[in-house]
Amino acid sequence: MAKIFIRKIEDFTCEHCGAAVKGNGYTNHCPACLWAKHVDIQPGDRANPCLGMMKPARIETQKSEYVLYHVCTRCGTERRNRTSSNDSFDEILRIQKQFVDSQKK
């Protein structure tokens, strides 16, 4: 089934770090800590009953942009998301380093 994007402009409080997040309709994670919440089945539908927290697991670079991979702490689902210009670059680097270090073990 093709993904059907439903744009929803929503502000929220991050359930991981408590930051107040102003949504723009494309916001799917906290720009401060990069955590998300597992709320969608199709992007933007808010129909997923899981509601688990999505941990930022790794960062990859694709076509000169950073791609963030989340893993749900409740059900294990993995999702990829683009980072945005207002995301904490320090967090992006920290997550990338943590992942690389874990691969060396």
PDB file of N, CA and C in Angstrom:
ATOM      1  N   MET A   1       0.839  -1.173   0.000  1.00  0.00           N
ATOM      2  CA  MET A   1       0.000   0.000   0.000  1.00  0.00           C
ATOM      3  C   MET A   1       0.888   1.242   0.000  1.00  0.00           C
ATOM      4  N   ALA A   2       0.591   2.198  -0.816  1.00  0.00           N
ATOM      5  CA  ALA A   2       1.359   3.441  -0.887  1.00  0.00           C
ATOM      6  C   ALA A   2       1.092   4.293   0.345  1.00  0.00           C
ATOM      7  N   LYS A   3       2.134   4.978   0.793  1.00  0.00           N
ATOM      8  CA  LYS A   3       1.970   5.874   1.932  1.00  0.00           C
ATOM      9  C   LYS A   3       1.201   7.114   1.497  1.00  0.00           C
ATOM     10  N   ILE A   4       0.213   7.475   2.267  1.00  0.00           N
ATOM     11  CA  ILE A   4      -0.565   8.683   2.019  1.00  0.00           C
ATOM     12  C   ILE A   4      -0.257   9.629   3.168  1.00  0.00           C
ATOM     13  N   PHE A   5       0.379  10.750   2.864  1.00  0.00           N
ATOM     14  CA  PHE A   5       0.762  11.695   3.902  1.00  0.00           C
ATOM     15  C   PHE A   5      -0.407  12.596   4.249  1.00  0.00           C
ATOM     16  N   ILE A   6      -0.671  12.721   5.541  1.00  0.00           N
ATOM     17  CA  ILE A   6      -1.705  13.614   6.034  1.00  0.00           C
ATOM     18  C   ILE A   6      -1.011  14.672   6.877  1.00  0.00           C
ATOM     19  N   ARG A   7      -0.972  15.892   6.385  1.00  0.00           N
ATOM     20  CA  ARG A   7      -0.282  16.964   7.107  1.00  0.00           C
ATOM     21  C   ARG A   7      -1.135  17.427   8.274  1.00  0.00           C
ATOM     22  N   LYS A   8      -0.543  17.389   9.463  1.00  0.00           N
ATOM     23  CA  LYS A   8      -1.210  17.851  10.677  1.00  0.00           C
ATOM     24  C   LYS A   8      -0.290  18.830  11.374  1.00  0.00           C
ATOM     25  N   ILE A   9      -0.757  20.049  11.563  1.00  0.00           N
ATOM     26  CA  ILE A   9       0.029  21.046  12.280  1.00  0.00           C
ATOM     27  C   ILE A   9      -0.358  20.942  13.750  1.00  0.00           C
ATOM     28  N   GLU A  10       0.573  20.420  14.548  1.00  0.00           N
ATOM     29  CA  GLU A  10       0.314  20.194  15.965  1.00  0.00           C
ATOM     30  C   GLU A  10       1.529  20.590  16.788  1.00  0.00           C
ATOM     31  N   ASP A  11       1.271  21.301  17.864  1.00  0.00           N
ATOM     32  CA  ASP A  11       2.310  21.566  18.853  1.00  0.00           C
ATOM     33  C   ASP A  11       2.217  20.458  19.896  1.00  0.00           C
ATOM     34  N   PHE A  12       3.338  20.140  20.544  1.00  0.00           N
ATOM     35  CA  PHE A  12       3.305  19.098  21.570  1.00  0.00           C
ATOM     36  C   PHE A  12       4.436  19.312  22.570  1.00  0.00           C
ATOM     37  N   THR A  13       4.300  18.659  23.697  1.00  0.00           N
ATOM     38  CA  THR A  13       5.353  18.624  24.700  1.00  0.00           C
ATOM     39  C   THR A  13       6.032  17.273  24.574  1.00  0.00           C
ATOM     40  N   CYS A  14       7.344  17.289  24.418  1.00  0.00           N
ATOM     41  CA  CYS A  14       8.093  16.044  24.269  1.00  0.00           C
ATOM     42  C   CYS A  14       7.944  15.209  25.544  1.00  0.00           C
ATOM     43  N   GLU A  15       7.534  13.972  25.370  1.00  0.00           N
ATOM     44  CA  GLU A  15       7.365  13.080  26.521  1.00  0.00           C
ATOM     45  C   GLU A  15       8.686  12.522  27.025  1.00  0.00           C
ATOM     46  N   HIS A  16       9.769  12.764  26.282  1.00  0.00           N
ATOM     47  CA  HIS A  16      11.082  12.291  26.740  1.00  0.00           C
ATOM     48  C   HIS A  16      11.814  13.375  27.529  1.00  0.00           C
ATOM     49  N   CYS A  17      11.925  14.573  26.964  1.00  0.00           N
ATOM     50  CA  CYS A  17      12.723  15.621  27.617  1.00  0.00           C
ATOM     51  C   CYS A  17      11.898  16.795  28.133  1.00  0.00           C
ATOM     52  N   GLY A  18      10.614  16.869  27.766  1.00  0.00           N
ATOM     53  CA  GLY A  18       9.751  17.940  28.257  1.00  0.00           C
ATOM     54  C   GLY A  18       9.795  19.227  27.449  1.00  0.00           C
ATOM     55  N   ALA A  19      10.532  19.259  26.360  1.00  0.00           N
ATOM     56  CA  ALA A  19      10.618  20.472  25.539  1.00  0.00           C
ATOM     57  C   ALA A  19       9.265  20.787  24.890  1.00  0.00           C
ATOM     58  N   ALA A  20       8.944  22.059  24.809  1.00  0.00           N
ATOM     59  CA  ALA A  20       7.748  22.509  24.086  1.00  0.00           C
ATOM     60  C   ALA A  20       8.119  22.569  22.607  1.00  0.00           C
ATOM     61  N   VAL A  21       7.382  21.841  21.770  1.00  0.00           N
ATOM     62  CA  VAL A  21       7.703  21.742  20.352  1.00  0.00           C
ATOM     63  C   VAL A  21       6.584  22.390  19.536  1.00  0.00           C
ATOM     64  N   LYS A  22       6.960  23.326  18.680  1.00  0.00           N
ATOM     65  CA  LYS A  22       6.001  23.965  17.782  1.00  0.00           C
ATOM     66  C   LYS A  22       6.041  23.197  16.465  1.00  0.00           C
ATOM     67  N   GLY A  23       4.938  22.562  16.125  1.00  0.00           N
ATOM     68  CA  GLY A  23       4.867  21.766  14.911  1.00  0.00           C
ATOM     69  C   GLY A  23       4.617  22.617  13.681  1.00  0.00           C
ATOM     70  N   ASN A  24       5.008  22.102  12.528  1.00  0.00           N
ATOM     71  CA  ASN A  24       4.780  22.817  11.269  1.00  0.00           C
ATOM     72  C   ASN A  24       4.023  21.961  10.253  1.00  0.00           C
ATOM     73  N   GLY A  25       3.506  20.840  10.705  1.00  0.00           N
ATOM     74  CA  GLY A  25       2.803  19.932   9.806  1.00  0.00           C
ATOM     75  C   GLY A  25       3.686  18.811   9.296  1.00  0.00           C
ATOM     76  N   TYR A  26       4.987  18.954   9.477  1.00  0.00           N
ATOM     77  CA  TYR A  26       5.937  17.923   9.082  1.00  0.00           C
ATOM     78  C   TYR A  26       6.747  17.446  10.281  1.00  0.00           C
ATOM     79  N   THR A  27       6.545  18.060  11.423  1.00  0.00           N
ATOM     80  CA  THR A  27       7.301  17.740  12.634  1.00  0.00           C
ATOM     81  C   THR A  27       6.883  16.374  13.154  1.00  0.00           C
ATOM     82  N   ASN A  28       7.847  15.466  13.285  1.00  0.00           N
ATOM     83  CA  ASN A  28       7.511  14.139  13.797  1.00  0.00           C
ATOM     84  C   ASN A  28       8.406  13.710  14.949  1.00  0.00           C
ATOM     85  N   HIS A  29       9.280  14.606  15.395  1.00  0.00           N
ATOM     86  CA  HIS A  29      10.120  14.291  16.543  1.00  0.00           C
ATOM     87  C   HIS A  29      10.523  15.596  17.229  1.00  0.00           C
ATOM     88  N   CYS A  30      11.011  15.463  18.436  1.00  0.00           N
ATOM     89  CA  CYS A  30      11.454  16.612  19.218  1.00  0.00           C
ATOM     90  C   CYS A  30      12.795  17.105  18.671  1.00  0.00           C
ATOM     91  N   PRO A  31      12.916  18.380  18.344  1.00  0.00           N
ATOM     92  CA  PRO A  31      14.183  18.881  17.812  1.00  0.00           C
ATOM     93  C   PRO A  31      15.284  18.977  18.873  1.00  0.00           C
ATOM     94  N   ALA A  32      14.918  18.920  20.150  1.00  0.00           N
ATOM     95  CA  ALA A  32      15.919  19.009  21.214  1.00  0.00           C
ATOM     96  C   ALA A  32      16.591  17.661  21.479  1.00  0.00           C
ATOM     97  N   CYS A  33      15.790  16.604  21.674  1.00  0.00           N
ATOM     98  CA  CYS A  33      16.358  15.291  22.030  1.00  0.00           C
ATOM     99  C   CYS A  33      16.218  14.268  20.910  1.00  0.00           C
ATOM    100  N   LEU A  34      15.456  14.580  19.874  1.00  0.00           N
ATOM    101  CA  LEU A  34      15.226  13.760  18.685  1.00  0.00           C
ATOM    102  C   LEU A  34      14.350  12.530  18.934  1.00  0.00           C
ATOM    103  N   TRP A  35      13.756  12.402  20.119  1.00  0.00           N
ATOM    104  CA  TRP A  35      12.818  11.320  20.384  1.00  0.00           C
ATOM    105  C   TRP A  35      11.486  11.639  19.714  1.00  0.00           C
ATOM    106  N   ALA A  36      10.691  10.593  19.459  1.00  0.00           N
ATOM    107  CA  ALA A  36       9.377  10.743  18.840  1.00  0.00           C
ATOM    108  C   ALA A  36       8.386   9.847  19.582  1.00  0.00           C
ATOM    109  N   LYS A  37       7.150   9.867  19.117  1.00  0.00           N
ATOM    110  CA  LYS A  37       6.128   8.988  19.678  1.00  0.00           C
ATOM    111  C   LYS A  37       5.503   8.205  18.538  1.00  0.00           C
ATOM    112  N   HIS A  38       5.266   6.922  18.751  1.00  0.00           N
ATOM    113  CA  HIS A  38       4.735   6.024  17.726  1.00  0.00           C
ATOM    114  C   HIS A  38       3.217   6.223  17.625  1.00  0.00           C
ATOM    115  N   VAL A  39       2.814   7.192  16.816  1.00  0.00           N
ATOM    116  CA  VAL A  39       1.398   7.550  16.717  1.00  0.00           C
ATOM    117  C   VAL A  39       0.783   7.266  15.352  1.00  0.00           C
ATOM    118  N   ASP A  40       1.578   7.052  14.317  1.00  0.00           N
ATOM    119  CA  ASP A  40       1.053   6.908  12.956  1.00  0.00           C
ATOM    120  C   ASP A  40       1.171   5.492  12.420  1.00  0.00           C
ATOM    121  N   ILE A  41       0.180   5.114  11.619  1.00  0.00           N
ATOM    122  CA  ILE A  41       0.290   3.928  10.773  1.00  0.00           C
ATOM    123  C   ILE A  41       0.768   4.407   9.407  1.00  0.00           C
ATOM    124  N   GLN A  42       0.029   5.342   8.818  1.00  0.00           N
ATOM    125  CA  GLN A  42       0.454   6.065   7.623  1.00  0.00           C
ATOM    126  C   GLN A  42       0.881   7.452   8.103  1.00  0.00           C
ATOM    127  N   PRO A  43       1.894   8.058   7.497  1.00  0.00           N
ATOM    128  CA  PRO A  43       2.395   9.351   7.986  1.00  0.00           C
ATOM    129  C   PRO A  43       1.285  10.393   8.184  1.00  0.00           C
ATOM    130  N   GLY A  44       1.159  10.852   9.425  1.00  0.00           N
ATOM    131  CA  GLY A  44       0.209  11.908   9.768  1.00  0.00           C
ATOM    132  C   GLY A  44      -1.174  11.453  10.164  1.00  0.00           C
ATOM    133  N   ASP A  45      -1.467  10.137  10.133  1.00  0.00           N
ATOM    134  CA  ASP A  45      -2.847   9.719  10.406  1.00  0.00           C
ATOM    135  C   ASP A  45      -3.193   9.618  11.889  1.00  0.00           C
ATOM    136  N   ARG A  46      -2.214   9.550  12.756  1.00  0.00           N
ATOM    137  CA  ARG A  46      -2.395   9.451  14.215  1.00  0.00           C
ATOM    138  C   ARG A  46      -3.293   8.277  14.606  1.00  0.00           C
ATOM    139  N   ALA A  47      -3.201   7.176  13.849  1.00  0.00           N
ATOM    140  CA  ALA A  47      -4.085   6.028  14.045  1.00  0.00           C
ATOM    141  C   ALA A  47      -3.414   4.831  14.704  1.00  0.00           C
ATOM    142  N   ASN A  48      -2.156   4.946  15.115  1.00  0.00           N
ATOM    143  CA  ASN A  48      -1.482   3.795  15.689  1.00  0.00           C
ATOM    144  C   ASN A  48      -1.796   3.692  17.178  1.00  0.00           C
ATOM    145  N   PRO A  49      -2.330   2.572  17.629  1.00  0.00           N
ATOM    146  CA  PRO A  49      -2.657   2.422  19.045  1.00  0.00           C
ATOM    147  C   PRO A  49      -1.437   2.168  19.935  1.00  0.00           C
ATOM    148  N   CYS A  50      -0.268   1.918  19.350  1.00  0.00           N
ATOM    149  CA  CYS A  50       0.931   1.591  20.137  1.00  0.00           C
ATOM    150  C   CYS A  50       1.269   2.699  21.132  1.00  0.00           C
ATOM    151  N   LEU A  51       1.461   3.903  20.627  1.00  0.00           N
ATOM    152  CA  LEU A  51       1.803   5.085  21.428  1.00  0.00           C
ATOM    153  C   LEU A  51       3.096   4.946  22.229  1.00  0.00           C
ATOM    154  N   GLY A  52       3.973   4.033  21.813  1.00  0.00           N
ATOM    155  CA  GLY A  52       5.265   3.888  22.477  1.00  0.00           C
ATOM    156  C   GLY A  52       6.197   5.031  22.115  1.00  0.00           C
ATOM    157  N   MET A  53       7.220   5.208  22.907  1.00  0.00           N
ATOM    158  CA  MET A  53       8.227   6.224  22.606  1.00  0.00           C
ATOM    159  C   MET A  53       9.212   5.654  21.590  1.00  0.00           C
ATOM    160  N   MET A  54       9.595   6.509  20.647  1.00  0.00           N
ATOM    161  CA  MET A  54      10.497   6.122  19.565  1.00  0.00           C
ATOM    162  C   MET A  54      11.882   6.687  19.864  1.00  0.00           C
ATOM    163  N   LYS A  55      12.806   5.791  20.181  1.00  0.00           N
ATOM    164  CA  LYS A  55      14.173   6.178  20.528  1.00  0.00           C
ATOM    165  C   LYS A  55      14.977   6.450  19.256  1.00  0.00           C
ATOM    166  N   PRO A  56      15.727   7.558  19.222  1.00  0.00           N
ATOM    167  CA  PRO A  56      16.623   7.781  18.082  1.00  0.00           C
ATOM    168  C   PRO A  56      17.765   6.777  18.150  1.00  0.00           C
ATOM    169  N   ALA A  57      17.813   5.868  17.171  1.00  0.00           N
ATOM    170  CA  ALA A  57      18.753   4.748  17.237  1.00  0.00           C
ATOM    171  C   ALA A  57      20.026   4.965  16.439  1.00  0.00           C
ATOM    172  N   ARG A  58      19.903   5.634  15.302  1.00  0.00           N
ATOM    173  CA  ARG A  58      21.091   5.873  14.488  1.00  0.00           C
ATOM    174  C   ARG A  58      20.813   7.000  13.503  1.00  0.00           C
ATOM    175  N   ILE A  59      21.886   7.509  12.953  1.00  0.00           N
ATOM    176  CA  ILE A  59      21.843   8.559  11.943  1.00  0.00           C
ATOM    177  C   ILE A  59      22.615   8.059  10.738  1.00  0.00           C
ATOM    178  N   GLU A  60      22.059   8.253   9.560  1.00  0.00           N
ATOM    179  CA  GLU A  60      22.774   7.956   8.325  1.00  0.00           C
ATOM    180  C   GLU A  60      22.769   9.207   7.461  1.00  0.00           C
ATOM    181  N   THR A  61      23.731   9.308   6.589  1.00  0.00           N
ATOM    182  CA  THR A  61      23.729  10.419   5.636  1.00  0.00           C
ATOM    183  C   THR A  61      23.304   9.874   4.278  1.00  0.00           C
ATOM    184  N   GLN A  62      22.391  10.604   3.670  1.00  0.00           N
ATOM    185  CA  GLN A  62      21.911  10.243   2.337  1.00  0.00           C
ATOM    186  C   GLN A  62      21.753  11.527   1.538  1.00  0.00           C
ATOM    187  N   LYS A  63      22.456  11.587   0.420  1.00  0.00           N
ATOM    188  CA  LYS A  63      22.394  12.767  -0.452  1.00  0.00           C
ATOM    189  C   LYS A  63      22.650  14.049   0.341  1.00  0.00           C
ATOM    190  N   SER A  64      23.681  14.046   1.122  1.00  0.00           N
ATOM    191  CA  SER A  64      24.142  15.179   1.935  1.00  0.00           C
ATOM    192  C   SER A  64      23.128  15.675   2.968  1.00  0.00           C
ATOM    193  N   GLU A  65      22.198  14.815   3.385  1.00  0.00           N
ATOM    194  CA  GLU A  65      21.347  15.172   4.515  1.00  0.00           C
ATOM    195  C   GLU A  65      21.356  14.035   5.521  1.00  0.00           C
ATOM    196  N   TYR A  66      21.009  14.366   6.750  1.00  0.00           N
ATOM    197  CA  TYR A  66      20.993  13.375   7.815  1.00  0.00           C
ATOM    198  C   TYR A  66      19.620  12.725   7.883  1.00  0.00           C
ATOM    199  N   VAL A  67      19.616  11.404   8.001  1.00  0.00           N
ATOM    200  CA  VAL A  67      18.384  10.639   8.148  1.00  0.00           C
ATOM    201  C   VAL A  67      18.430   9.973   9.515  1.00  0.00           C
ATOM    202  N   LEU A  68      17.369  10.170  10.270  1.00  0.00           N
ATOM    203  CA  LEU A  68      17.258   9.684  11.629  1.00  0.00           C
ATOM    204  C   LEU A  68      16.416   8.411  11.638  1.00  0.00           C
ATOM    205  N   TYR A  69      16.903   7.386  12.298  1.00  0.00           N
ATOM    206  CA  TYR A  69      16.164   6.136  12.437  1.00  0.00           C
ATOM    207  C   TYR A  69      15.705   6.005  13.878  1.00  0.00           C
ATOM    208  N   HIS A  70      14.401   5.825  14.056  1.00  0.00           N
ATOM    209  CA  HIS A  70      13.804   5.626  15.373  1.00  0.00           C
ATOM    210  C   HIS A  70      13.412   4.167  15.535  1.00  0.00           C
ATOM    211  N   VAL A  71      13.492   3.668  16.761  1.00  0.00           N
ATOM    212  CA  VAL A  71      13.006   2.337  17.109  1.00  0.00           C
ATOM    213  C   VAL A  71      12.031   2.503  18.266  1.00  0.00           C
ATOM    214  N   CYS A  72      10.834   1.933  18.108  1.00  0.00           N
ATOM    215  CA  CYS A  72       9.822   2.030  19.153  1.00  0.00           C
ATOM    216  C   CYS A  72      10.239   1.188  20.356  1.00  0.00           C
ATOM    217  N   THR A  73      10.216   1.799  21.531  1.00  0.00           N
ATOM    218  CA  THR A  73      10.611   1.098  22.748  1.00  0.00           C
ATOM    219  C   THR A  73       9.530   0.125  23.218  1.00  0.00           C
ATOM    220  N   ARG A  74       8.340   0.226  22.657  1.00  0.00           N
ATOM    221  CA  ARG A  74       7.248  -0.676  23.047  1.00  0.00           C
ATOM    222  C   ARG A  74       7.116  -1.874  22.096  1.00  0.00           C
ATOM    223  N   CYS A  75       7.069  -1.612  20.791  1.00  0.00           N
ATOM    224  CA  CYS A  75       6.789  -2.710  19.842  1.00  0.00           C
ATOM    225  C   CYS A  75       7.960  -3.045  18.916  1.00  0.00           C
ATOM    226  N   GLY A  76       9.019  -2.237  18.922  1.00  0.00           N
ATOM    227  CA  GLY A  76      10.201  -2.529  18.131  1.00  0.00           C
ATOM    228  C   GLY A  76      10.173  -2.047  16.686  1.00  0.00           C
ATOM    229  N   THR A  77       9.091  -1.414  16.259  1.00  0.00           N
ATOM    230  CA  THR A  77       9.006  -0.893  14.887  1.00  0.00           C
ATOM    231  C   THR A  77      10.109   0.125  14.649  1.00  0.00           C
ATOM    232  N   GLU A  78      10.711   0.052  13.460  1.00  0.00           N
ATOM    233  CA  GLU A  78      11.739   1.028  13.081  1.00  0.00           C
ATOM    234  C   GLU A  78      11.195   1.927  11.976  1.00  0.00           C
ATOM    235  N   ARG A  79      11.444   3.225  12.103  1.00  0.00           N
ATOM    236  CA  ARG A  79      11.030   4.213  11.098  1.00  0.00           C
ATOM    237  C   ARG A  79      12.193   5.130  10.795  1.00  0.00           C
ATOM    238  N   ARG A  80      12.226   5.602   9.560  1.00  0.00           N
ATOM    239  CA  ARG A  80      13.251   6.581   9.182  1.00  0.00           C
ATOM    240  C   ARG A  80      12.575   7.916   8.962  1.00  0.00           C
ATOM    241  N   ASN A  81      13.283   8.976   9.330  1.00  0.00           N
ATOM    242  CA  ASN A  81      12.771  10.328   9.204  1.00  0.00           C
ATOM    243  C   ASN A  81      13.907  11.264   8.832  1.00  0.00           C
ATOM    244  N   ARG A  82      13.599  12.238   8.035  1.00  0.00           N
ATOM    245  CA  ARG A  82      14.588  13.270   7.750  1.00  0.00           C
ATOM    246  C   ARG A  82      14.771  14.132   8.986  1.00  0.00           C
ATOM    247  N   THR A  83      15.970  14.631   9.140  1.00  0.00           N
ATOM    248  CA  THR A  83      16.185  15.635  10.171  1.00  0.00           C
ATOM    249  C   THR A  83      15.797  16.985   9.570  1.00  0.00           C
ATOM    250  N   SER A  84      15.627  17.962  10.432  1.00  0.00           N
ATOM    251  CA  SER A  84      15.303  19.297   9.941  1.00  0.00           C
ATOM    252  C   SER A  84      16.342  20.288  10.446  1.00  0.00           C
ATOM    253  N   SER A  85      16.314  21.464   9.881  1.00  0.00           N
ATOM    254  CA  SER A  85      17.333  22.463  10.206  1.00  0.00           C
ATOM    255  C   SER A  85      17.270  22.916  11.663  1.00  0.00           C
ATOM    256  N   ASN A  86      16.131  22.749  12.328  1.00  0.00           N
ATOM    257  CA  ASN A  86      16.053  23.167  13.729  1.00  0.00           C
ATOM    258  C   ASN A  86      16.362  22.032  14.709  1.00  0.00           C
ATOM    259  N   ASP A  87      16.731  20.847  14.197  1.00  0.00           N
ATOM    260  CA  ASP A  87      17.135  19.748  15.081  1.00  0.00           C
ATOM    261  C   ASP A  87      18.499  20.038  15.688  1.00  0.00           C
ATOM    262  N   SER A  88      18.677  19.610  16.916  1.00  0.00           N
ATOM    263  CA  SER A  88      19.945  19.799  17.621  1.00  0.00           C
ATOM    264  C   SER A  88      21.064  19.043  16.907  1.00  0.00           C
ATOM    265  N   PHE A  89      22.003  19.785  16.348  1.00  0.00           N
ATOM    266  CA  PHE A  89      23.119  19.148  15.663  1.00  0.00           C
ATOM    267  C   PHE A  89      23.998  18.392  16.652  1.00  0.00           C
ATOM    268  N   ASP A  90      24.101  18.892  17.877  1.00  0.00           N
ATOM    269  CA  ASP A  90      24.860  18.173  18.909  1.00  0.00           C
ATOM    270  C   ASP A  90      24.241  16.798  19.167  1.00  0.00           C
ATOM    271  N   GLU A  91      22.910  16.711  19.192  1.00  0.00           N
ATOM    272  CA  GLU A  91      22.240  15.414  19.388  1.00  0.00           C
ATOM    273  C   GLU A  91      22.456  14.505  18.187  1.00  0.00           C
ATOM    274  N   ILE A  92      22.391  15.063  16.993  1.00  0.00           N
ATOM    275  CA  ILE A  92      22.645  14.271  15.784  1.00  0.00           C
ATOM    276  C   ILE A  92      24.033  13.636  15.862  1.00  0.00           C
ATOM    277  N   LEU A  93      25.030  14.445  16.213  1.00  0.00           N
ATOM    278  CA  LEU A  93      26.400  13.927  16.315  1.00  0.00           C
ATOM    279  C   LEU A  93      26.542  12.912  17.440  1.00  0.00           C
ATOM    280  N   ARG A  94      25.881  13.168  18.582  1.00  0.00           N
ATOM    281  CA  ARG A  94      25.955  12.250  19.724  1.00  0.00           C
ATOM    282  C   ARG A  94      25.364  10.889  19.348  1.00  0.00           C
ATOM    283  N   ILE A  95      24.209  10.889  18.693  1.00  0.00           N
ATOM    284  CA  ILE A  95      23.549   9.640  18.308  1.00  0.00           C
ATOM    285  C   ILE A  95      24.382   8.895  17.266  1.00  0.00           C
ATOM    286  N   GLN A  96      24.925   9.644  16.320  1.00  0.00           N
ATOM    287  CA  GLN A  96      25.765   9.025  15.289  1.00  0.00           C
ATOM    288  C   GLN A  96      26.996   8.371  15.925  1.00  0.00           C
ATOM    289  N   LYS A  97      27.651   9.075  16.849  1.00  0.00           N
ATOM    290  CA  LYS A  97      28.831   8.543  17.521  1.00  0.00           C
ATOM    291  C   LYS A  97      28.472   7.316  18.361  1.00  0.00           C
ATOM    292  N   GLN A  98      27.363   7.400  19.076  1.00  0.00           N
ATOM    293  CA  GLN A  98      26.921   6.278  19.917  1.00  0.00           C
ATOM    294  C   GLN A  98      26.683   5.029  19.052  1.00  0.00           C
ATOM    295  N   PHE A  99      26.055   5.198  17.905  1.00  0.00           N
ATOM    296  CA  PHE A  99      25.803   4.068  17.027  1.00  0.00           C
ATOM    297  C   PHE A  99      27.110   3.485  16.486  1.00  0.00           C
ATOM    298  N   VAL A 100      28.009   4.350  16.007  1.00  0.00           N
ATOM    299  CA  VAL A 100      29.286   3.888  15.474  1.00  0.00           C
ATOM    300  C   VAL A 100      30.072   3.148  16.549  1.00  0.00           C
ATOM    301  N   ASP A 101      30.100   3.693  17.766  1.00  0.00           N
ATOM    302  CA  ASP A 101      30.809   3.046  18.861  1.00  0.00           C
ATOM    303  C   ASP A 101      30.211   1.677  19.193  1.00  0.00           C
ATOM    304  N   SER A 102      28.870   1.560  19.119  1.00  0.00           N
ATOM    305  CA  SER A 102      28.226   0.279  19.418  1.00  0.00           C
ATOM    306  C   SER A 102      28.552  -0.780  18.372  1.00  0.00           C
ATOM    307  N   GLN A 103      28.846  -0.366  17.160  1.00  0.00           N
ATOM    308  CA  GLN A 103      29.187  -1.295  16.090  1.00  0.00           C
ATOM    309  C   GLN A 103      30.602  -1.838  16.227  1.00  0.00           C
ATOM    310  N   LYS A 104      31.450  -1.144  16.971  1.00  0.00           N
ATOM    311  CA  LYS A 104      32.840  -1.571  17.171  1.00  0.00           C
ATOM    312  C   LYS A 104      32.956  -2.680  18.195  1.00  0.00           C
ATOM    313  N   LYS A 105      31.930  -2.847  19.022  1.00  0.00           N
ATOM    314  CA  LYS A 105      31.984  -3.829  20.107  1.00  0.00           C
ATOM    315  C   LYS A 105      31.713  -5.221  19.634  1.00  0.00           C
TER     316      LYS A 105
END
